[in-house]
C-alpha atoms as a PDB file:
ATOM      1  CA  MET A   1     -51.719 106.759-179.547  1.00  0.00           C
ATOM      2  CA  SER A   2     -52.072 105.870-183.180  1.00  0.00           C
ATOM      3  CA  PHE A   3     -50.570 102.698-184.562  1.00  0.00           C
ATOM      4  CA  THR A   4     -49.309 102.003-188.171  1.00  0.00           C
ATOM      5  CA  GLU A   5     -48.338  99.004-189.998  1.00  0.00           C
ATOM      6  CA  SER A   6     -44.286  99.844-189.252  1.00  0.00           C
ATOM      7  CA  THR A   7     -44.881 100.386-185.573  1.00  0.00           C
ATOM      8  CA  LEU A   8     -46.466  96.961-184.887  1.00  0.00           C
ATOM      9  CA  PRO A   9     -44.222  94.178-183.642  1.00  0.00           C
ATOM     10  CA  THR A  10     -43.717  91.487-186.292  1.00  0.00           C
ATOM     11  CA  ASP A  11     -45.621  88.613-184.004  1.00  0.00           C
ATOM     12  CA  PHE A  12     -48.247  90.955-183.552  1.00  0.00           C
ATOM     13  CA  ASP A  13     -50.881  88.476-184.977  1.00  0.00           C
ATOM     14  CA  ARG A  14     -49.383  85.134-183.279  1.00  0.00           C
ATOM     15  CA  LEU A  15     -50.721  83.293-180.318  1.00  0.00           C
ATOM     16  CA  PRO A  16     -49.215  80.195-179.452  1.00  0.00           C
ATOM     17  CA  THR A  17     -50.532  76.969-181.030  1.00  0.00           C
ATOM     18  CA  GLY A  18     -53.582  76.164-179.482  1.00  0.00           C
ATOM     19  CA  SER A  19     -54.155  78.999-177.346  1.00  0.00           C
ATOM     20  CA  THR A  20     -57.466  81.183-177.828  1.00  0.00           C
ATOM     21  CA  ILE A  21     -58.307  84.601-176.778  1.00  0.00           C
ATOM     22  CA  ARG A  22     -61.762  86.200-176.996  1.00  0.00           C
ATOM     23  CA  HIS A  23     -62.274  89.581-177.752  1.00  0.00           C
ATOM     24  CA  ILE A  24     -65.395  91.517-176.493  1.00  0.00           C
ATOM     25  CA  LEU A  25     -66.369  95.064-177.757  1.00  0.00           C
ATOM     26  CA  LEU A  26     -68.777  96.651-175.511  1.00  0.00           C
ATOM     27  CA  GLY A  27     -70.052 100.034-176.329  1.00  0.00           C
ATOM     28  CA  ARG A  28     -72.467 102.019-178.813  1.00  0.00           C
ATOM     29  CA  PRO A  29     -73.084 100.458-182.210  1.00  0.00           C
ATOM     30  CA  SER A  30     -71.165 103.469-183.894  1.00  0.00           C
ATOM     31  CA  ASP A  31     -67.962 102.960-181.790  1.00  0.00           C
ATOM     32  CA  ILE A  32     -68.043  98.985-182.274  1.00  0.00           C
ATOM     33  CA  ARG A  33     -67.901  99.185-185.901  1.00  0.00           C
ATOM     34  CA  GLN A  34     -65.447 101.990-185.683  1.00  0.00           C
ATOM     35  CA  THR A  35     -62.890  99.971-183.545  1.00  0.00           C
ATOM     36  CA  ILE A  36     -63.726  96.573-185.696  1.00  0.00           C
ATOM     37  CA  HIS A  37     -62.600  98.611-188.901  1.00  0.00           C
ATOM     38  CA  LEU A  38     -59.691  99.932-186.663  1.00  0.00           C
ATOM     39  CA  LEU A  39     -58.534  96.855-185.885  1.00  0.00           C
ATOM     40  CA  HIS A  40     -59.047  95.347-189.716  1.00  0.00           C
ATOM     41  CA  ASN A  41     -57.109  98.718-190.789  1.00  0.00           C
ATOM     42  CA  LEU A  42     -54.111  97.373-188.592  1.00  0.00           C
ATOM     43  CA  ARG A  43     -54.518  94.025-190.249  1.00  0.00           C
ATOM     44  CA  TYR A  44     -55.334  92.146-186.783  1.00  0.00           C
ATOM     45  CA  VAL A  45     -58.683  90.709-188.039  1.00  0.00           C
ATOM     46  CA  GLU A  46     -60.883  90.900-190.829  1.00  0.00           C
ATOM     47  CA  THR A  47     -64.571  92.494-190.538  1.00  0.00           C
ATOM     48  CA  SER A  48     -66.322  89.434-191.439  1.00  0.00           C
ATOM     49  CA  GLN A  49     -64.984  87.366-188.495  1.00  0.00           C
ATOM     50  CA  TRP A  50     -66.818  89.751-186.064  1.00  0.00           C
ATOM     51  CA  SER A  51     -70.379  88.505-184.940  1.00  0.00           C
ATOM     52  CA  THR A  52     -73.211  90.767-185.990  1.00  0.00           C
ATOM     53  CA  LEU A  53     -74.053  93.148-183.222  1.00  0.00           C
ATOM     54  CA  ILE A  54     -75.893  91.772-180.296  1.00  0.00           C
ATOM     55  CA  GLU A  55     -77.973  93.405-177.828  1.00  0.00           C
ATOM     56  CA  VAL A  56     -77.400  92.740-174.082  1.00  0.00           C
ATOM     57  CA  PRO A  57     -80.781  91.723-172.929  1.00  0.00           C
ATOM     58  CA  ASP A  58     -82.096  93.832-169.662  1.00  0.00           C
ATOM     59  CA  ASN A  59     -78.700  95.496-169.440  1.00  0.00           C
ATOM     60  CA  ARG A  60     -77.248  92.005-168.092  1.00  0.00           C
ATOM     61  CA  LEU A  61     -73.861  90.407-169.217  1.00  0.00           C
ATOM     62  CA  ILE A  62     -72.438  87.299-167.953  1.00  0.00           C
ATOM     63  CA  LEU A  63     -68.891  86.044-168.966  1.00  0.00           C
ATOM     64  CA  ARG A  64     -68.236  82.555-167.931  1.00  0.00           C
ATOM     65  CA  PRO A  65     -64.477  81.863-168.096  1.00  0.00           C
ATOM     66  CA  ASP A  66     -62.912  78.751-168.289  1.00  0.00           C
ATOM     67  CA  ALA A  67     -61.317  77.902-164.858  1.00  0.00           C
ATOM     68  CA  ASP A  68     -57.803  78.861-165.843  1.00  0.00           C
ATOM     69  CA  GLN A  69     -58.634  82.144-167.633  1.00  0.00           C
ATOM     70  CA  MET A  70     -58.266  85.568-166.266  1.00  0.00           C
ATOM     71  CA  ILE A  71     -59.419  89.020-167.890  1.00  0.00           C
ATOM     72  CA  SER A  72     -57.782  92.586-168.541  1.00  0.00           C
ATOM     73  CA  MET A  73     -59.993  95.273-169.789  1.00  0.00           C
ATOM     74  CA  LEU A  74     -58.919  98.218-171.220  1.00  0.00           C
ATOM     75  CA  VAL A  75     -61.305 101.497-171.456  1.00  0.00           C
ATOM     76  CA  ARG A  76     -60.074 103.834-174.621  1.00  0.00           C
ATOM     77  CA  ARG A  77     -61.678 106.921-175.778  1.00  0.00           C
ATOM     78  CA  LEU A  78     -62.563 107.025-179.413  1.00  0.00           C
END
């Protein structure tokens, strides 16, 4: 499914005051860059706000959420 600016909800980029959300892109570097640019084109986030690509040491990744946080995951074919 492809989104255009006109199909995004008007409050797409708003979170309640004080709320934070972490976006984690995990995949091949070229796919990560493509997704970052897609999110930029959708006016969701500037490309400069993403960190540089970070190698996952020893193919291990540990996420440490706060006590009240949960996770939702989406796997999408590019």
